[in-house]
C-alpha atoms as a PDB file:
ATOM      1  CA  MET A   1     -52.555 -31.494 -16.272  1.00  0.00           C
ATOM      2  CA  LYS A   2     -49.426 -29.520 -17.435  1.00  0.00           C
ATOM      3  CA  ASN A   3     -49.589 -28.060 -21.013  1.00  0.00           C
ATOM      4  CA  THR A   4     -52.321 -29.573 -22.346  1.00  0.00           C
ATOM      5  CA  LEU A   5     -54.432 -27.968 -24.718  1.00  0.00           C
ATOM      6  CA  THR A   6     -56.959 -27.311 -23.195  1.00  0.00           C
ATOM      7  CA  PHE A   7     -55.253 -25.656 -20.799  1.00  0.00           C
ATOM      8  CA  PHE A   8     -53.743 -23.609 -22.856  1.00  0.00           C
ATOM      9  CA  VAL A   9     -56.911 -22.370 -24.580  1.00  0.00           C
ATOM     10  CA  LEU A  10     -57.847 -21.390 -21.444  1.00  0.00           C
ATOM     11  CA  LEU A  11     -54.443 -19.700 -20.883  1.00  0.00           C
ATOM     12  CA  LEU A  12     -54.829 -17.498 -24.313  1.00  0.00           C
ATOM     13  CA  THR A  13     -57.802 -16.189 -23.479  1.00  0.00           C
ATOM     14  CA  MET A  14     -57.408 -15.489 -19.870  1.00  0.00           C
ATOM     15  CA  ALA A  15     -53.494 -14.529 -19.586  1.00  0.00           C
ATOM     16  CA  GLY A  16     -53.196 -12.121 -21.997  1.00  0.00           C
ATOM     17  CA  LEU A  17     -51.722 -13.993 -24.813  1.00  0.00           C
ATOM     18  CA  ASN A  18     -51.153 -12.707 -28.432  1.00  0.00           C
ATOM     19  CA  SER A  19     -51.263 -15.724 -30.956  1.00  0.00           C
ATOM     20  CA  CYS A  20     -50.153 -15.093 -34.558  1.00  0.00           C
ATOM     21  CA  SER A  21     -50.018 -17.975 -37.601  1.00  0.00           C
ATOM     22  CA  SER A  22     -47.596 -18.506 -40.046  1.00  0.00           C
ATOM     23  CA  THR A  23     -47.148 -21.363 -42.649  1.00  0.00           C
ATOM     24  CA  LYS A  24     -44.094 -22.903 -43.426  1.00  0.00           C
ATOM     25  CA  GLY A  25     -43.714 -24.756 -47.205  1.00  0.00           C
ATOM     26  CA  THR A  26     -46.211 -27.731 -46.226  1.00  0.00           C
ATOM     27  CA  GLY A  27     -49.134 -25.339 -46.320  1.00  0.00           C
ATOM     28  CA  MET A  28     -49.715 -26.394 -42.663  1.00  0.00           C
ATOM     29  CA  THR A  29     -50.872 -23.820 -39.822  1.00  0.00           C
ATOM     30  CA  ASN A  30     -47.898 -23.423 -37.295  1.00  0.00           C
ATOM     31  CA  MET A  31     -50.120 -21.443 -34.205  1.00  0.00           C
ATOM     32  CA  VAL A  32     -47.625 -19.450 -32.102  1.00  0.00           C
ATOM     33  CA  ALA A  33     -48.132 -17.475 -28.844  1.00  0.00           C
ATOM     34  CA  THR A  34     -46.740 -15.239 -27.441  1.00  0.00           C
ATOM     35  CA  MET A  35     -46.757 -13.388 -23.544  1.00  0.00           C
ATOM     36  CA  GLN A  36     -47.682 -10.130 -23.132  1.00  0.00           C
ATOM     37  CA  VAL A  37     -44.579  -8.754 -21.565  1.00  0.00           C
ATOM     38  CA  ASP A  38     -45.418  -5.376 -19.871  1.00  0.00           C
ATOM     39  CA  GLU A  39     -41.916  -5.069 -18.336  1.00  0.00           C
ATOM     40  CA  PRO A  40     -38.647  -6.278 -18.821  1.00  0.00           C
ATOM     41  CA  ILE A  41     -37.999  -9.815 -17.397  1.00  0.00           C
ATOM     42  CA  PRO A  42     -34.669  -9.856 -16.709  1.00  0.00           C
ATOM     43  CA  GLY A  43     -32.311 -13.187 -18.216  1.00  0.00           C
ATOM     44  CA  VAL A  44     -34.491 -13.242 -21.236  1.00  0.00           C
ATOM     45  CA  CYS A  45     -32.947 -13.346 -24.392  1.00  0.00           C
ATOM     46  CA  ASP A  46     -35.364 -11.521 -26.156  1.00  0.00           C
ATOM     47  CA  ASN A  47     -38.662  -9.745 -24.345  1.00  0.00           C
ATOM     48  CA  SER A  48     -40.857  -9.338 -27.597  1.00  0.00           C
ATOM     49  CA  ARG A  49     -40.999 -13.171 -27.316  1.00  0.00           C
ATOM     50  CA  VAL A  50     -41.829 -15.415 -24.529  1.00  0.00           C
ATOM     51  CA  TYR A  51     -43.124 -18.118 -25.782  1.00  0.00           C
ATOM     52  CA  ALA A  52     -46.269 -20.317 -24.609  1.00  0.00           C
ATOM     53  CA  ILE A  53     -45.284 -23.298 -26.423  1.00  0.00           C
ATOM     54  CA  LEU A  54     -48.131 -25.255 -27.547  1.00  0.00           C
ATOM     55  CA  PRO A  55     -46.985 -29.425 -28.158  1.00  0.00           C
ATOM     56  CA  ILE A  56     -49.271 -30.438 -30.909  1.00  0.00           C
ATOM     57  CA  LYS A  57     -47.720 -33.063 -32.601  1.00  0.00           C
ATOM     58  CA  GLY A  58     -46.147 -32.297 -36.139  1.00  0.00           C
ATOM     59  CA  ASN A  59     -45.962 -28.226 -34.671  1.00  0.00           C
ATOM     60  CA  GLY A  60     -41.966 -28.280 -34.494  1.00  0.00           C
ATOM     61  CA  GLN A  61     -42.613 -26.879 -30.648  1.00  0.00           C
ATOM     62  CA  VAL A  62     -41.144 -28.298 -28.029  1.00  0.00           C
ATOM     63  CA  ASP A  63     -41.831 -27.699 -24.257  1.00  0.00           C
ATOM     64  CA  ALA A  64     -39.042 -26.876 -22.250  1.00  0.00           C
ATOM     65  CA  LYS A  65     -37.448 -29.263 -20.346  1.00  0.00           C
ATOM     66  CA  PRO A  66     -36.220 -29.549 -16.708  1.00  0.00           C
ATOM     67  CA  GLN A  67     -33.742 -32.312 -15.470  1.00  0.00           C
ATOM     68  CA  LEU A  68     -36.515 -33.781 -12.738  1.00  0.00           C
ATOM     69  CA  THR A  69     -39.601 -35.879 -14.371  1.00  0.00           C
ATOM     70  CA  GLU A  70     -42.641 -34.576 -13.149  1.00  0.00           C
ATOM     71  CA  PRO A  71     -43.233 -37.988 -10.981  1.00  0.00           C
ATOM     72  CA  GLU A  72     -39.402 -36.402  -9.751  1.00  0.00           C
ATOM     73  CA  ILE A  73     -40.756 -33.013  -9.023  1.00  0.00           C
ATOM     74  CA  GLU A  74     -43.992 -34.593  -7.170  1.00  0.00           C
ATOM     75  CA  ALA A  75     -41.403 -36.429  -4.334  1.00  0.00           C
ATOM     76  CA  LYS A  76     -39.301 -32.929  -3.999  1.00  0.00           C
ATOM     77  CA  LEU A  77     -42.584 -30.862  -3.331  1.00  0.00           C
ATOM     78  CA  ASN A  78     -44.193 -33.635  -0.614  1.00  0.00           C
ATOM     79  CA  GLU A  79     -40.691 -33.696   0.638  1.00  0.00           C
ATOM     80  CA  GLU A  80     -39.753 -30.020   1.215  1.00  0.00           C
ATOM     81  CA  VAL A  81     -42.724 -28.276   1.788  1.00  0.00           C
ATOM     82  CA  ALA A  82     -43.330 -28.372   5.232  1.00  0.00           C
ATOM     83  CA  PHE A  83     -46.362 -26.817   5.280  1.00  0.00           C
ATOM     84  CA  LEU A  84     -48.103 -29.953   4.449  1.00  0.00           C
ATOM     85  CA  LYS A  85     -46.606 -32.098   6.389  1.00  0.00           C
ATOM     86  CA  GLN A  86     -47.654 -29.748   9.265  1.00  0.00           C
ATOM     87  CA  ASN A  87     -51.399 -29.986   7.326  1.00  0.00           C
ATOM     88  CA  THR A  88     -51.916 -33.475   6.366  1.00  0.00           C
ATOM     89  CA  GLY A  89     -55.648 -32.713   5.408  1.00  0.00           C
ATOM     90  CA  TYR A  90     -54.896 -29.190   3.370  1.00  0.00           C
ATOM     91  CA  LYS A  91     -57.228 -29.470   0.488  1.00  0.00           C
ATOM     92  CA  ASP A  92     -56.292 -26.345  -2.078  1.00  0.00           C
ATOM     93  CA  LYS A  93     -54.854 -26.077  -5.498  1.00  0.00           C
ATOM     94  CA  GLY A  94     -52.862 -23.755  -7.459  1.00  0.00           C
ATOM     95  CA  MET A  95     -50.518 -22.697 -10.751  1.00  0.00           C
ATOM     96  CA  VAL A  96     -47.015 -22.217 -10.686  1.00  0.00           C
ATOM     97  CA  GLY A  97     -45.366 -19.777 -13.438  1.00  0.00           C
ATOM     98  CA  LEU A  98     -42.076 -20.784 -14.714  1.00  0.00           C
ATOM     99  CA  ILE A  99     -40.087 -18.102 -17.697  1.00  0.00           C
ATOM    100  CA  ILE A 100     -37.167 -20.425 -18.982  1.00  0.00           C
ATOM    101  CA  ASN A 101     -34.739 -18.479 -21.500  1.00  0.00           C
ATOM    102  CA  CYS A 102     -33.365 -19.543 -24.251  1.00  0.00           C
ATOM    103  CA  LYS A 103     -30.424 -20.337 -22.492  1.00  0.00           C
ATOM    104  CA  GLY A 104     -32.046 -22.996 -20.479  1.00  0.00           C
ATOM    105  CA  GLU A 105     -31.994 -20.772 -17.672  1.00  0.00           C
ATOM    106  CA  MET A 106     -34.998 -20.542 -15.328  1.00  0.00           C
ATOM    107  CA  VAL A 107     -35.124 -16.279 -14.852  1.00  0.00           C
ATOM    108  CA  ARG A 108     -38.341 -15.714 -13.021  1.00  0.00           C
ATOM    109  CA  CYS A 109     -40.431 -18.409 -10.755  1.00  0.00           C
ATOM    110  CA  GLN A 110     -44.455 -16.924  -9.390  1.00  0.00           C
ATOM    111  CA  ILE A 111     -46.868 -18.328  -8.028  1.00  0.00           C
ATOM    112  CA  ASP A 112     -49.804 -17.737 -10.706  1.00  0.00           C
ATOM    113  CA  ASN A 113     -53.290 -18.928  -9.131  1.00  0.00           C
ATOM    114  CA  LYS A 114     -52.714 -18.506  -5.642  1.00  0.00           C
ATOM    115  CA  THR A 115     -53.619 -20.818  -3.199  1.00  0.00           C
ATOM    116  CA  LYS A 116     -55.626 -19.899   0.568  1.00  0.00           C
ATOM    117  CA  SER A 117     -51.994 -19.826   1.960  1.00  0.00           C
ATOM    118  CA  PRO A 118     -48.845 -17.218   1.192  1.00  0.00           C
ATOM    119  CA  GLU A 119     -46.598 -19.800   3.962  1.00  0.00           C
ATOM    120  CA  LEU A 120     -47.913 -22.673   1.063  1.00  0.00           C
ATOM    121  CA  ASP A 121     -46.794 -20.401  -1.667  1.00  0.00           C
ATOM    122  CA  ASP A 122     -44.256 -19.508  -0.629  1.00  0.00           C
ATOM    123  CA  GLN A 123     -42.751 -22.863  -0.337  1.00  0.00           C
ATOM    124  CA  ILE A 124     -44.206 -24.176  -3.154  1.00  0.00           C
ATOM    125  CA  VAL A 125     -42.258 -21.616  -5.245  1.00  0.00           C
ATOM    126  CA  ALA A 126     -39.216 -22.242  -3.333  1.00  0.00           C
ATOM    127  CA  VAL A 127     -38.611 -25.938  -4.353  1.00  0.00           C
ATOM    128  CA  PHE A 128     -39.543 -24.840  -8.133  1.00  0.00           C
ATOM    129  CA  ALA A 129     -36.573 -22.150  -7.796  1.00  0.00           C
ATOM    130  CA  THR A 130     -34.412 -25.075  -7.336  1.00  0.00           C
ATOM    131  CA  LEU A 131     -34.962 -26.641 -10.503  1.00  0.00           C
ATOM    132  CA  GLN A 132     -32.565 -24.571 -12.318  1.00  0.00           C
ATOM    133  CA  ASN A 133     -31.432 -27.339 -14.985  1.00  0.00           C
ATOM    134  CA  TRP A 134     -33.256 -26.712 -17.731  1.00  0.00           C
ATOM    135  CA  LYS A 135     -33.448 -27.897 -22.062  1.00  0.00           C
ATOM    136  CA  ALA A 136     -34.519 -24.571 -23.417  1.00  0.00           C
ATOM    137  CA  GLY A 137     -38.105 -24.693 -25.635  1.00  0.00           C
ATOM    138  CA  SER A 138     -37.770 -24.565 -29.394  1.00  0.00           C
ATOM    139  CA  ILE A 139     -40.032 -23.423 -32.151  1.00  0.00           C
ATOM    140  CA  ASN A 140     -38.878 -25.240 -35.227  1.00  0.00           C
ATOM    141  CA  GLY A 141     -35.435 -26.621 -33.979  1.00  0.00           C
ATOM    142  CA  GLN A 142     -33.993 -22.889 -32.495  1.00  0.00           C
ATOM    143  CA  ALA A 143     -34.450 -22.321 -28.820  1.00  0.00           C
ATOM    144  CA  VAL A 144     -36.589 -19.819 -27.789  1.00  0.00           C
ATOM    145  CA  ASP A 145     -37.626 -18.158 -24.348  1.00  0.00           C
ATOM    146  CA  THR A 146     -40.627 -19.712 -22.838  1.00  0.00           C
ATOM    147  CA  SER A 147     -43.723 -19.659 -20.088  1.00  0.00           C
ATOM    148  CA  VAL A 148     -44.226 -22.779 -18.358  1.00  0.00           C
ATOM    149  CA  LEU A 149     -46.805 -23.510 -16.165  1.00  0.00           C
ATOM    150  CA  TYR A 150     -47.338 -26.244 -13.821  1.00  0.00           C
ATOM    151  CA  SER A 151     -50.871 -26.951 -12.180  1.00  0.00           C
ATOM    152  CA  PHE A 152     -51.091 -28.789  -8.642  1.00  0.00           C
ATOM    153  CA  GLU A 153     -53.819 -29.778  -6.638  1.00  0.00           C
ATOM    154  CA  ILE A 154     -53.560 -31.199  -3.206  1.00  0.00           C
ATOM    155  CA  LYS A 155     -55.787 -33.294  -1.498  1.00  0.00           C
ATOM    156  CA  ASP A 156     -54.697 -34.885   2.268  1.00  0.00           C
ATOM    157  CA  GLY A 157     -51.723 -32.779   2.498  1.00  0.00           C
ATOM    158  CA  LYS A 158     -50.094 -34.093  -0.551  1.00  0.00           C
ATOM    159  CA  ILE A 159     -49.392 -32.508  -3.922  1.00  0.00           C
ATOM    160  CA  THR A 160     -49.862 -34.230  -7.965  1.00  0.00           C
ATOM    161  CA  LEU A 161     -48.578 -31.892 -10.728  1.00  0.00           C
END
């Protein structure tokens, strides 16, 4: 579910992202989406250029990557989120938004689309906040500040990304 093109089209429409395109010598247009930052984000390298990476083949954009794989993150969530163990029939969905700076440091972690339970939201954020080792996202080989989103769904008390 994470970082699909359809999802980013929705993100661009709903999250107030600005986009621009640039042309490199190949004649290809390279769409770049930046996040609108209303207040400074402590720890980012450039508040005016926090990117929503559009990982389309050949566009030079690479997502920030955590040290863990998605299945490992899912396993960590299902192991460490106590709310899910106490509510085995629970069904919900939501989204976690992270900001990873150009040095590969997570500088923000928050729920973007809340679940029906603030307790669950807090526990999910707590697990994501432990994912501190990241490879910074990049555009044309240059490390940049990036917004990373994880959509999740909960069925029968189990979370999937």
